[in-house]
Amino acid sequence: MIRAQIFCAFALCSLLATSGCKPIPTDSEPSLDGLVYTNNSWGFRVSRPSDQWGIDVATLTSQRDINGLPPVTVRILSPDITSDFRPQMRLEPRALPANFATLTVDQLVQEFEEQYLMLAFDQYRVIDEKQRVQLRVGEAIQWEFRYSQLETSNRTYPGTRFLVAIAIHNQVGYYMIGNGSRDAGYPLTEYEQIVASLEFR
């Protein structure tokens, strides 16, 4: 049951149901100040590597996560574009159920791998070891992976090389995936900068 809930949190499935939601918070609007994007409702800020990088924020105002907030997806877009492919880092905060209060970031990483990555990416395989990244508050775990693409490619995350990072703060899981490929580029250094810039408010 726990695994299914984590998977649905990321896939925007059952955890977006309105039943049992808290009142909709009324924090100030998200803002972009120079390189820094701030979302007070979800309680985080994240930075672009430079002003050459774009940013796109999508908010599903017609839906609510279990904390009463509309789900948000932040895409930080690389300046490199090859054909119709553009490397980008996606950040998606998702509320965790109350019974996840003692869940550690290591456990969330394991469940996310088993219930999303291994299912969404054919022959998913980790490259090197997972690393801990110290944030201003808490830490994130990041790692790289590849997959075969022999069976199917992932439409949401095209490419062949990926950096993933996960953090937990105040009952929210923060999921980050950056994509790339040998032909279109894989801005690993910049992706790592984005992960390290994550702050909680």
N, C-alpha and C. Protein backbone atom coordinates (compact mmCIF):
# COMPACT_ATOMS: atom_id res chain seq x y z
N MET A 1 0.83 -1.20 0.00
CA MET A 1 0.00 0.00 0.00
C MET A 1 0.87 1.26 0.00
N ILE A 2 1.93 1.25 0.84
CA ILE A 2 2.82 2.41 0.90
C ILE A 2 3.48 2.63 -0.45
N ARG A 3 3.96 1.56 -1.07
CA ARG A 3 4.61 1.69 -2.37
C ARG A 3 3.66 2.26 -3.41
N ALA A 4 2.45 1.79 -3.41
CA ALA A 4 1.47 2.29 -4.38
C ALA A 4 1.21 3.78 -4.16
N GLN A 5 1.15 4.20 -2.89
CA GLN A 5 0.90 5.62 -2.61
C GLN A 5 2.03 6.50 -3.09
N ILE A 6 3.27 6.04 -2.89
CA ILE A 6 4.42 6.83 -3.35
C ILE A 6 4.40 6.94 -4.86
N PHE A 7 4.15 5.85 -5.55
CA PHE A 7 4.11 5.87 -7.00
C PHE A 7 3.04 6.83 -7.49
N CYS A 8 1.87 6.77 -6.89
CA CYS A 8 0.78 7.64 -7.32
C CYS A 8 1.06 9.10 -7.02
N ALA A 9 1.80 9.35 -5.94
CA ALA A 9 2.14 10.74 -5.62
C ALA A 9 2.93 11.35 -6.76
N PHE A 10 3.87 10.60 -7.31
CA PHE A 10 4.68 11.14 -8.39
C PHE A 10 3.93 11.14 -9.71
N ALA A 11 3.13 10.15 -9.95
CA ALA A 11 2.44 10.01 -11.23
C ALA A 11 1.15 10.83 -11.30
N LEU A 12 0.87 11.58 -10.26
CA LEU A 12 -0.35 12.42 -10.20
C LEU A 12 -1.62 11.58 -10.30
N CYS A 13 -1.63 10.51 -9.54
CA CYS A 13 -2.81 9.62 -9.56
C CYS A 13 -3.66 9.86 -8.33
N SER A 14 -3.75 8.83 -7.47
CA SER A 14 -4.73 8.86 -6.39
C SER A 14 -4.49 9.95 -5.36
N LEU A 15 -3.26 10.40 -5.18
CA LEU A 15 -3.01 11.41 -4.16
C LEU A 15 -3.54 12.78 -4.54
N LEU A 16 -4.05 12.94 -5.76
CA LEU A 16 -4.61 14.21 -6.17
C LEU A 16 -6.11 14.29 -5.87
N ALA A 17 -6.66 13.23 -5.31
CA ALA A 17 -8.08 13.24 -4.98
C ALA A 17 -8.36 14.30 -3.92
N THR A 18 -9.52 14.88 -3.98
CA THR A 18 -9.83 15.98 -3.06
C THR A 18 -10.34 15.50 -1.71
N SER A 19 -10.70 14.25 -1.57
CA SER A 19 -11.25 13.80 -0.31
C SER A 19 -10.20 13.88 0.79
N GLY A 20 -10.59 14.43 1.93
CA GLY A 20 -9.68 14.52 3.06
C GLY A 20 -8.65 15.62 2.93
N CYS A 21 -8.80 16.51 1.97
CA CYS A 21 -7.83 17.59 1.79
C CYS A 21 -8.00 18.65 2.87
N LYS A 22 -6.90 19.31 3.18
CA LYS A 22 -6.94 20.44 4.08
C LYS A 22 -7.45 21.65 3.31
N PRO A 23 -7.81 22.73 4.00
CA PRO A 23 -8.21 23.95 3.29
C PRO A 23 -7.09 24.43 2.37
N ILE A 24 -7.46 25.03 1.28
CA ILE A 24 -6.47 25.51 0.31
C ILE A 24 -5.69 26.67 0.91
N PRO A 25 -4.37 26.53 1.02
CA PRO A 25 -3.57 27.63 1.58
C PRO A 25 -3.66 28.88 0.71
N THR A 26 -3.38 30.01 1.32
CA THR A 26 -3.47 31.27 0.60
C THR A 26 -2.16 32.04 0.65
N ASP A 27 -1.04 31.35 0.56
CA ASP A 27 0.27 32.00 0.57
C ASP A 27 0.42 32.88 -0.66
N SER A 28 1.47 33.73 -0.63
CA SER A 28 1.73 34.60 -1.76
C SER A 28 2.06 33.80 -3.01
N GLU A 29 1.90 34.46 -4.16
CA GLU A 29 2.12 33.80 -5.43
C GLU A 29 3.59 33.41 -5.60
N PRO A 30 3.86 32.35 -6.38
CA PRO A 30 5.25 32.01 -6.71
C PRO A 30 5.91 33.18 -7.44
N SER A 31 7.23 33.27 -7.33
CA SER A 31 7.92 34.40 -7.95
C SER A 31 9.26 33.98 -8.52
N LEU A 32 9.73 34.75 -9.50
CA LEU A 32 11.05 34.55 -10.08
C LEU A 32 11.83 35.84 -9.89
N ASP A 33 12.89 35.76 -9.09
CA ASP A 33 13.73 36.91 -8.79
C ASP A 33 15.13 36.62 -9.31
N GLY A 34 15.45 37.15 -10.48
CA GLY A 34 16.74 36.83 -11.09
C GLY A 34 16.79 35.36 -11.46
N LEU A 35 17.72 34.64 -10.87
CA LEU A 35 17.86 33.20 -11.16
C LEU A 35 17.04 32.33 -10.22
N VAL A 36 16.46 32.93 -9.19
CA VAL A 36 15.83 32.15 -8.12
C VAL A 36 14.31 32.10 -8.29
N TYR A 37 13.77 30.89 -8.35
CA TYR A 37 12.31 30.68 -8.36
C TYR A 37 11.89 30.31 -6.95
N THR A 38 10.88 30.99 -6.43
CA THR A 38 10.39 30.73 -5.07
C THR A 38 8.92 30.36 -5.12
N ASN A 39 8.57 29.31 -4.42
CA ASN A 39 7.18 28.91 -4.29
C ASN A 39 6.89 28.80 -2.80
N ASN A 40 6.24 29.84 -2.23
CA ASN A 40 5.98 29.87 -0.80
C ASN A 40 4.92 28.86 -0.37
N SER A 41 3.97 28.57 -1.25
CA SER A 41 2.92 27.61 -0.90
C SER A 41 3.52 26.23 -0.64
N TRP A 42 4.37 25.78 -1.55
CA TRP A 42 5.02 24.48 -1.39
C TRP A 42 6.27 24.57 -0.52
N GLY A 43 6.73 25.78 -0.22
CA GLY A 43 7.81 25.95 0.74
C GLY A 43 9.19 25.64 0.21
N PHE A 44 9.49 26.08 -1.02
CA PHE A 44 10.85 25.83 -1.53
C PHE A 44 11.26 26.95 -2.47
N ARG A 45 12.56 27.00 -2.72
CA ARG A 45 13.11 27.83 -3.78
C ARG A 45 14.22 27.04 -4.45
N VAL A 46 14.44 27.35 -5.74
CA VAL A 46 15.46 26.66 -6.52
C VAL A 46 16.01 27.65 -7.54
N SER A 47 17.27 27.46 -7.92
CA SER A 47 17.93 28.44 -8.79
C SER A 47 18.32 27.84 -10.14
N ARG A 48 18.23 28.68 -11.17
CA ARG A 48 18.78 28.33 -12.48
C ARG A 48 20.29 28.52 -12.45
N PRO A 49 21.04 27.74 -13.25
CA PRO A 49 22.50 27.90 -13.27
C PRO A 49 22.95 29.26 -13.81
N SER A 50 22.22 29.81 -14.77
CA SER A 50 22.54 31.12 -15.33
C SER A 50 21.30 31.66 -16.02
N ASP A 51 21.37 32.93 -16.48
CA ASP A 51 20.21 33.49 -17.15
C ASP A 51 20.03 32.95 -18.57
N GLN A 52 20.97 32.12 -19.02
CA GLN A 52 20.80 31.44 -20.30
C GLN A 52 19.79 30.29 -20.20
N TRP A 53 19.57 29.85 -18.99
CA TRP A 53 18.62 28.76 -18.76
C TRP A 53 17.21 29.32 -18.63
N GLY A 54 16.24 28.62 -19.23
CA GLY A 54 14.85 29.04 -19.13
C GLY A 54 14.17 28.37 -17.95
N ILE A 55 12.96 28.82 -17.67
CA ILE A 55 12.17 28.19 -16.62
C ILE A 55 10.70 28.21 -17.03
N ASP A 56 10.03 27.11 -16.77
CA ASP A 56 8.61 26.97 -17.10
C ASP A 56 7.94 26.32 -15.89
N VAL A 57 6.85 26.91 -15.42
CA VAL A 57 6.14 26.39 -14.25
C VAL A 57 4.71 26.07 -14.64
N ALA A 58 4.29 24.84 -14.40
CA ALA A 58 2.92 24.41 -14.69
C ALA A 58 2.22 24.06 -13.37
N THR A 59 1.07 24.68 -13.14
CA THR A 59 0.30 24.42 -11.93
C THR A 59 -1.07 23.87 -12.32
N LEU A 60 -1.42 22.72 -11.76
CA LEU A 60 -2.72 22.10 -12.07
C LEU A 60 -3.77 22.66 -11.12
N THR A 61 -4.29 23.81 -11.45
CA THR A 61 -5.21 24.50 -10.56
C THR A 61 -6.54 23.78 -10.38
N SER A 62 -6.86 22.88 -11.28
CA SER A 62 -8.13 22.15 -11.18
C SER A 62 -8.03 20.95 -10.26
N GLN A 63 -6.82 20.65 -9.75
CA GLN A 63 -6.64 19.49 -8.88
C GLN A 63 -6.00 19.92 -7.58
N ARG A 64 -6.07 19.04 -6.58
CA ARG A 64 -5.46 19.31 -5.29
C ARG A 64 -4.73 18.06 -4.80
N ASP A 65 -3.54 18.29 -4.25
CA ASP A 65 -2.83 17.21 -3.60
C ASP A 65 -3.43 17.04 -2.21
N ILE A 66 -2.97 16.07 -1.44
CA ILE A 66 -3.60 15.78 -0.15
C ILE A 66 -3.37 16.88 0.88
N ASN A 67 -2.43 17.80 0.61
CA ASN A 67 -2.23 18.93 1.52
C ASN A 67 -3.05 20.15 1.11
N GLY A 68 -3.91 20.00 0.10
CA GLY A 68 -4.78 21.08 -0.35
C GLY A 68 -4.19 21.97 -1.42
N LEU A 69 -2.93 21.73 -1.78
CA LEU A 69 -2.26 22.57 -2.77
C LEU A 69 -2.41 22.00 -4.18
N PRO A 70 -2.50 22.85 -5.18
CA PRO A 70 -2.48 22.36 -6.56
C PRO A 70 -1.09 21.84 -6.90
N PRO A 71 -0.98 20.68 -7.55
CA PRO A 71 0.33 20.15 -7.94
C PRO A 71 1.05 21.11 -8.88
N VAL A 72 2.35 21.20 -8.70
CA VAL A 72 3.16 22.10 -9.52
C VAL A 72 4.35 21.32 -10.09
N THR A 73 4.71 21.64 -11.33
CA THR A 73 5.90 21.10 -11.96
C THR A 73 6.76 22.26 -12.44
N VAL A 74 8.01 22.28 -11.99
CA VAL A 74 8.96 23.31 -12.40
C VAL A 74 9.96 22.67 -13.36
N ARG A 75 10.07 23.26 -14.56
CA ARG A 75 11.06 22.78 -15.53
C ARG A 75 12.13 23.86 -15.72
N ILE A 76 13.38 23.48 -15.49
CA ILE A 76 14.51 24.38 -15.72
C ILE A 76 15.20 23.91 -16.98
N LEU A 77 15.16 24.75 -18.01
CA LEU A 77 15.47 24.33 -19.38
C LEU A 77 16.86 24.75 -19.81
N SER A 78 17.62 23.79 -20.30
CA SER A 78 18.97 24.06 -20.80
C SER A 78 18.91 24.96 -22.03
N PRO A 79 19.93 25.81 -22.23
CA PRO A 79 19.96 26.63 -23.45
C PRO A 79 20.26 25.81 -24.71
N ASP A 80 20.71 24.56 -24.54
CA ASP A 80 21.06 23.72 -25.68
C ASP A 80 19.83 23.01 -26.24
N ILE A 81 19.59 23.20 -27.52
CA ILE A 81 18.47 22.54 -28.19
C ILE A 81 19.00 21.84 -29.44
N THR A 82 18.76 20.55 -29.57
CA THR A 82 19.12 19.80 -30.76
C THR A 82 17.84 19.23 -31.34
N SER A 83 17.51 19.65 -32.55
CA SER A 83 16.25 19.22 -33.17
C SER A 83 15.12 19.61 -32.23
N ASP A 84 14.30 18.65 -31.80
CA ASP A 84 13.19 18.97 -30.91
C ASP A 84 13.48 18.53 -29.48
N PHE A 85 14.74 18.23 -29.18
CA PHE A 85 15.12 17.76 -27.85
C PHE A 85 15.83 18.87 -27.09
N ARG A 86 15.40 19.11 -25.86
CA ARG A 86 16.03 20.13 -25.02
C ARG A 86 16.23 19.55 -23.62
N PRO A 87 17.48 19.35 -23.20
CA PRO A 87 17.71 18.85 -21.85
C PRO A 87 17.06 19.76 -20.82
N GLN A 88 16.51 19.18 -19.77
CA GLN A 88 15.83 19.97 -18.75
C GLN A 88 15.76 19.20 -17.45
N MET A 89 15.72 19.96 -16.36
CA MET A 89 15.54 19.39 -15.03
C MET A 89 14.12 19.68 -14.59
N ARG A 90 13.40 18.64 -14.18
CA ARG A 90 12.04 18.79 -13.69
C ARG A 90 12.04 18.61 -12.18
N LEU A 91 11.33 19.49 -11.49
CA LEU A 91 11.17 19.41 -10.04
C LEU A 91 9.69 19.33 -9.74
N GLU A 92 9.29 18.28 -9.01
CA GLU A 92 7.89 18.09 -8.66
C GLU A 92 7.76 17.80 -7.17
N PRO A 93 7.25 18.76 -6.38
CA PRO A 93 6.96 18.47 -4.98
C PRO A 93 5.63 17.74 -4.86
N ARG A 94 5.57 16.73 -4.00
CA ARG A 94 4.34 15.98 -3.79
C ARG A 94 4.17 15.71 -2.31
N ALA A 95 2.97 15.97 -1.80
CA ALA A 95 2.68 15.75 -0.38
C ALA A 95 2.71 14.26 -0.06
N LEU A 96 3.24 13.95 1.12
CA LEU A 96 3.29 12.57 1.58
C LEU A 96 2.21 12.35 2.64
N PRO A 97 1.56 11.20 2.64
CA PRO A 97 0.49 10.94 3.61
C PRO A 97 1.00 11.01 5.05
N ALA A 98 0.08 11.23 5.98
CA ALA A 98 0.45 11.37 7.39
C ALA A 98 1.17 10.15 7.93
N ASN A 99 0.83 8.96 7.42
CA ASN A 99 1.49 7.75 7.92
C ASN A 99 2.92 7.60 7.38
N PHE A 100 3.37 8.59 6.60
CA PHE A 100 4.76 8.59 6.13
C PHE A 100 5.63 9.50 7.00
N ALA A 101 5.15 9.86 8.17
CA ALA A 101 5.85 10.85 9.00
C ALA A 101 7.27 10.41 9.35
N THR A 102 7.49 9.13 9.48
CA THR A 102 8.82 8.64 9.86
C THR A 102 9.62 8.15 8.65
N LEU A 103 9.11 8.36 7.45
CA LEU A 103 9.80 7.90 6.25
C LEU A 103 11.11 8.66 6.07
N THR A 104 12.20 7.95 5.82
CA THR A 104 13.49 8.61 5.58
C THR A 104 13.67 8.83 4.08
N VAL A 105 14.60 9.70 3.74
CA VAL A 105 14.86 9.96 2.32
C VAL A 105 15.40 8.71 1.65
N ASP A 106 16.15 7.89 2.37
CA ASP A 106 16.64 6.63 1.80
C ASP A 106 15.49 5.70 1.43
N GLN A 107 14.50 5.62 2.30
CA GLN A 107 13.35 4.77 2.03
C GLN A 107 12.55 5.31 0.85
N LEU A 108 12.40 6.63 0.77
CA LEU A 108 11.66 7.22 -0.34
C LEU A 108 12.38 6.97 -1.66
N VAL A 109 13.70 7.06 -1.65
CA VAL A 109 14.48 6.76 -2.85
C VAL A 109 14.25 5.32 -3.30
N GLN A 110 14.32 4.39 -2.36
CA GLN A 110 14.14 2.98 -2.71
C GLN A 110 12.75 2.72 -3.29
N GLU A 111 11.73 3.28 -2.66
CA GLU A 111 10.38 3.07 -3.16
C GLU A 111 10.17 3.73 -4.51
N PHE A 112 10.74 4.90 -4.71
CA PHE A 112 10.60 5.60 -5.98
C PHE A 112 11.27 4.81 -7.10
N GLU A 113 12.42 4.25 -6.82
CA GLU A 113 13.09 3.40 -7.82
C GLU A 113 12.22 2.20 -8.18
N GLU A 114 11.73 1.50 -7.16
CA GLU A 114 11.00 0.26 -7.39
C GLU A 114 9.63 0.50 -8.02
N GLN A 115 8.97 1.57 -7.61
CA GLN A 115 7.59 1.78 -8.04
C GLN A 115 7.43 2.75 -9.19
N TYR A 116 8.50 3.47 -9.56
CA TYR A 116 8.39 4.34 -10.73
C TYR A 116 9.50 4.09 -11.74
N LEU A 117 10.75 4.30 -11.34
CA LEU A 117 11.84 4.27 -12.32
C LEU A 117 11.98 2.91 -12.99
N MET A 118 11.93 1.84 -12.21
CA MET A 118 12.09 0.51 -12.80
C MET A 118 10.94 0.13 -13.71
N LEU A 119 9.78 0.72 -13.48
CA LEU A 119 8.61 0.44 -14.33
C LEU A 119 8.57 1.35 -15.56
N ALA A 120 9.03 2.58 -15.41
CA ALA A 120 8.93 3.55 -16.49
C ALA A 120 10.09 3.50 -17.47
N PHE A 121 11.23 2.93 -17.04
CA PHE A 121 12.42 2.90 -17.89
C PHE A 121 12.90 1.46 -18.05
N ASP A 122 12.86 0.97 -19.29
CA ASP A 122 13.24 -0.41 -19.57
C ASP A 122 14.70 -0.64 -19.22
N GLN A 123 14.95 -1.70 -18.42
CA GLN A 123 16.30 -2.06 -17.99
C GLN A 123 17.01 -0.89 -17.31
N TYR A 124 16.26 -0.23 -16.45
CA TYR A 124 16.81 0.85 -15.62
C TYR A 124 18.05 0.37 -14.88
N ARG A 125 19.12 1.16 -14.93
CA ARG A 125 20.33 0.79 -14.21
C ARG A 125 21.04 2.04 -13.68
N VAL A 126 21.48 1.95 -12.44
CA VAL A 126 22.17 3.05 -11.79
C VAL A 126 23.61 3.10 -12.26
N ILE A 127 24.11 4.32 -12.51
CA ILE A 127 25.50 4.54 -12.89
C ILE A 127 26.24 5.07 -11.66
N ASP A 128 27.32 4.40 -11.28
CA ASP A 128 28.09 4.77 -10.09
C ASP A 128 27.23 4.65 -8.83
N GLU A 129 27.62 5.33 -7.77
CA GLU A 129 26.92 5.20 -6.49
C GLU A 129 26.05 6.42 -6.23
N LYS A 130 25.03 6.23 -5.43
CA LYS A 130 24.20 7.35 -5.00
C LYS A 130 25.02 8.25 -4.08
N GLN A 131 24.76 9.56 -4.16
CA GLN A 131 25.51 10.53 -3.37
C GLN A 131 24.56 11.36 -2.52
N ARG A 132 25.04 11.76 -1.37
CA ARG A 132 24.28 12.64 -0.50
C ARG A 132 24.72 14.08 -0.75
N VAL A 133 23.75 14.95 -0.93
CA VAL A 133 24.02 16.36 -1.17
C VAL A 133 23.48 17.16 0.00
N GLN A 134 24.35 17.88 0.68
CA GLN A 134 23.91 18.69 1.82
C GLN A 134 23.20 19.95 1.32
N LEU A 135 21.98 20.13 1.77
CA LEU A 135 21.22 21.32 1.48
C LEU A 135 21.31 22.25 2.68
N ARG A 136 20.79 23.46 2.56
CA ARG A 136 20.82 24.37 3.70
C ARG A 136 20.06 23.77 4.87
N VAL A 137 18.97 23.10 4.59
CA VAL A 137 18.22 22.34 5.59
C VAL A 137 18.08 20.91 5.07
N GLY A 138 18.64 19.96 5.77
CA GLY A 138 18.52 18.56 5.37
C GLY A 138 19.46 18.20 4.24
N GLU A 139 19.09 17.14 3.54
CA GLU A 139 19.93 16.65 2.46
C GLU A 139 19.08 16.05 1.35
N ALA A 140 19.68 15.92 0.19
CA ALA A 140 19.07 15.21 -0.93
C ALA A 140 19.97 14.03 -1.28
N ILE A 141 19.39 13.05 -1.92
CA ILE A 141 20.17 11.93 -2.46
C ILE A 141 20.05 12.02 -3.97
N GLN A 142 21.20 12.00 -4.65
CA GLN A 142 21.19 12.08 -6.11
C GLN A 142 21.99 10.94 -6.70
N TRP A 143 21.60 10.56 -7.94
CA TRP A 143 22.29 9.51 -8.65
C TRP A 143 21.99 9.61 -10.13
N GLU A 144 22.80 8.94 -10.93
CA GLU A 144 22.59 8.90 -12.38
C GLU A 144 22.08 7.52 -12.79
N PHE A 145 21.31 7.51 -13.87
CA PHE A 145 20.89 6.22 -14.41
C PHE A 145 20.78 6.29 -15.92
N ARG A 146 20.74 5.11 -16.51
CA ARG A 146 20.49 4.96 -17.94
C ARG A 146 19.50 3.82 -18.12
N TYR A 147 19.00 3.69 -19.34
CA TYR A 147 18.12 2.56 -19.64
C TYR A 147 18.25 2.18 -21.10
N SER A 148 17.69 1.05 -21.47
CA SER A 148 18.01 0.45 -22.78
C SER A 148 17.27 1.10 -23.95
N GLN A 149 16.01 1.52 -23.75
CA GLN A 149 15.14 2.04 -24.81
C GLN A 149 14.80 0.98 -25.86
N LEU A 150 15.14 -0.27 -25.61
CA LEU A 150 14.83 -1.31 -26.59
C LEU A 150 13.34 -1.60 -26.63
N GLU A 151 12.70 -1.58 -25.47
CA GLU A 151 11.27 -1.87 -25.41
C GLU A 151 10.44 -0.62 -25.69
N THR A 152 10.74 0.43 -24.97
CA THR A 152 9.96 1.66 -25.12
C THR A 152 10.75 2.84 -24.58
N SER A 153 10.50 4.01 -25.10
CA SER A 153 11.14 5.21 -24.56
C SER A 153 10.13 5.96 -23.70
N ASN A 154 10.63 6.72 -22.76
CA ASN A 154 9.77 7.46 -21.85
C ASN A 154 9.44 8.81 -22.46
N ARG A 155 8.17 9.07 -22.72
CA ARG A 155 7.77 10.32 -23.39
C ARG A 155 7.98 11.55 -22.51
N THR A 156 7.77 11.40 -21.21
CA THR A 156 7.94 12.53 -20.31
C THR A 156 9.41 12.90 -20.18
N TYR A 157 10.27 11.90 -20.17
CA TYR A 157 11.70 12.11 -19.99
C TYR A 157 12.47 11.48 -21.15
N PRO A 158 12.49 12.13 -22.31
CA PRO A 158 13.26 11.57 -23.43
C PRO A 158 14.75 11.67 -23.14
N GLY A 159 15.53 10.87 -23.87
CA GLY A 159 16.97 10.89 -23.67
C GLY A 159 17.48 9.54 -23.21
N THR A 160 18.77 9.50 -22.92
CA THR A 160 19.42 8.24 -22.53
C THR A 160 20.20 8.36 -21.23
N ARG A 161 20.41 9.58 -20.74
CA ARG A 161 21.19 9.79 -19.52
C ARG A 161 20.39 10.69 -18.58
N PHE A 162 20.42 10.35 -17.29
CA PHE A 162 19.55 11.04 -16.35
C PHE A 162 20.23 11.23 -15.00
N LEU A 163 19.92 12.37 -14.38
CA LEU A 163 20.28 12.60 -12.99
C LEU A 163 19.00 12.73 -12.19
N VAL A 164 18.91 11.99 -11.09
CA VAL A 164 17.74 12.03 -10.21
C VAL A 164 18.18 12.52 -8.84
N ALA A 165 17.33 13.31 -8.20
CA ALA A 165 17.57 13.71 -6.82
C ALA A 165 16.25 13.74 -6.07
N ILE A 166 16.28 13.33 -4.80
CA ILE A 166 15.07 13.30 -3.98
C ILE A 166 15.41 13.87 -2.60
N ALA A 167 14.50 14.67 -2.09
CA ALA A 167 14.62 15.22 -0.73
C ALA A 167 13.26 15.19 -0.07
N ILE A 168 13.25 15.25 1.26
CA ILE A 168 12.00 15.31 2.03
C ILE A 168 12.10 16.49 2.99
N HIS A 169 10.99 17.24 3.08
CA HIS A 169 10.92 18.32 4.08
C HIS A 169 9.45 18.60 4.39
N ASN A 170 9.12 18.61 5.67
CA ASN A 170 7.75 18.92 6.12
C ASN A 170 6.68 18.11 5.39
N GLN A 171 6.85 16.80 5.37
CA GLN A 171 5.87 15.90 4.78
C GLN A 171 5.67 16.09 3.28
N VAL A 172 6.69 16.62 2.62
CA VAL A 172 6.67 16.77 1.17
C VAL A 172 7.89 16.10 0.59
N GLY A 173 7.68 15.30 -0.46
CA GLY A 173 8.78 14.73 -1.20
C GLY A 173 9.09 15.61 -2.40
N TYR A 174 10.35 15.94 -2.60
CA TYR A 174 10.78 16.77 -3.73
C TYR A 174 11.53 15.87 -4.70
N TYR A 175 10.95 15.67 -5.89
CA TYR A 175 11.49 14.75 -6.89
C TYR A 175 12.07 15.56 -8.05
N MET A 176 13.33 15.30 -8.39
CA MET A 176 13.99 16.03 -9.47
C MET A 176 14.59 15.02 -10.46
N ILE A 177 14.33 15.24 -11.76
CA ILE A 177 14.92 14.40 -12.80
C ILE A 177 15.41 15.30 -13.93
N GLY A 178 16.69 15.19 -14.26
CA GLY A 178 17.27 15.91 -15.38
C GLY A 178 17.66 14.92 -16.47
N ASN A 179 17.31 15.24 -17.72
CA ASN A 179 17.57 14.31 -18.82
C ASN A 179 18.63 14.84 -19.77
N GLY A 180 19.10 13.96 -20.64
CA GLY A 180 20.09 14.35 -21.64
C GLY A 180 20.41 13.17 -22.53
N SER A 181 21.27 13.40 -23.51
CA SER A 181 21.70 12.33 -24.40
C SER A 181 23.05 12.68 -24.98
N ARG A 182 23.70 11.70 -25.57
CA ARG A 182 25.02 11.93 -26.15
C ARG A 182 24.95 12.96 -27.26
N ASP A 183 23.91 12.95 -28.06
CA ASP A 183 23.80 13.87 -29.19
C ASP A 183 23.32 15.26 -28.77
N ALA A 184 22.36 15.32 -27.86
CA ALA A 184 21.74 16.60 -27.49
C ALA A 184 22.41 17.27 -26.30
N GLY A 185 23.31 16.56 -25.64
CA GLY A 185 23.97 17.12 -24.48
C GLY A 185 23.38 16.62 -23.18
N TYR A 186 24.22 16.64 -22.17
CA TYR A 186 23.82 16.18 -20.84
C TYR A 186 24.53 17.08 -19.82
N PRO A 187 23.90 18.19 -19.43
CA PRO A 187 24.56 19.19 -18.58
C PRO A 187 24.62 18.76 -17.11
N LEU A 188 25.41 17.74 -16.83
CA LEU A 188 25.46 17.16 -15.50
C LEU A 188 25.89 18.18 -14.44
N THR A 189 26.92 18.96 -14.72
CA THR A 189 27.40 19.94 -13.74
C THR A 189 26.30 20.92 -13.36
N GLU A 190 25.58 21.41 -14.36
CA GLU A 190 24.49 22.35 -14.09
C GLU A 190 23.35 21.69 -13.34
N TYR A 191 23.04 20.44 -13.68
CA TYR A 191 22.00 19.73 -12.94
C TYR A 191 22.37 19.60 -11.47
N GLU A 192 23.62 19.30 -11.20
CA GLU A 192 24.07 19.17 -9.82
C GLU A 192 23.97 20.52 -9.10
N GLN A 193 24.23 21.61 -9.81
CA GLN A 193 24.07 22.94 -9.22
C GLN A 193 22.61 23.21 -8.86
N ILE A 194 21.71 22.79 -9.73
CA ILE A 194 20.28 22.99 -9.46
C ILE A 194 19.87 22.22 -8.20
N VAL A 195 20.29 20.96 -8.11
CA VAL A 195 19.96 20.16 -6.94
C VAL A 195 20.49 20.83 -5.66
N ALA A 196 21.75 21.26 -5.69
CA ALA A 196 22.37 21.86 -4.51
C ALA A 196 21.72 23.19 -4.15
N SER A 197 21.05 23.85 -5.10
CA SER A 197 20.42 25.14 -4.82
C SER A 197 19.07 25.01 -4.12
N LEU A 198 18.51 23.80 -4.04
CA LEU A 198 17.18 23.61 -3.44
C LEU A 198 17.19 24.05 -1.99
N GLU A 199 16.30 24.94 -1.64
CA GLU A 199 16.14 25.42 -0.26
C GLU A 199 14.69 25.28 0.17
N PHE A 200 14.49 25.07 1.46
CA PHE A 200 13.15 24.98 2.00
C PHE A 200 12.83 26.21 2.83
N ARG A 201 11.56 26.62 2.79
CA ARG A 201 11.13 27.85 3.46
C ARG A 201 10.11 27.56 4.54
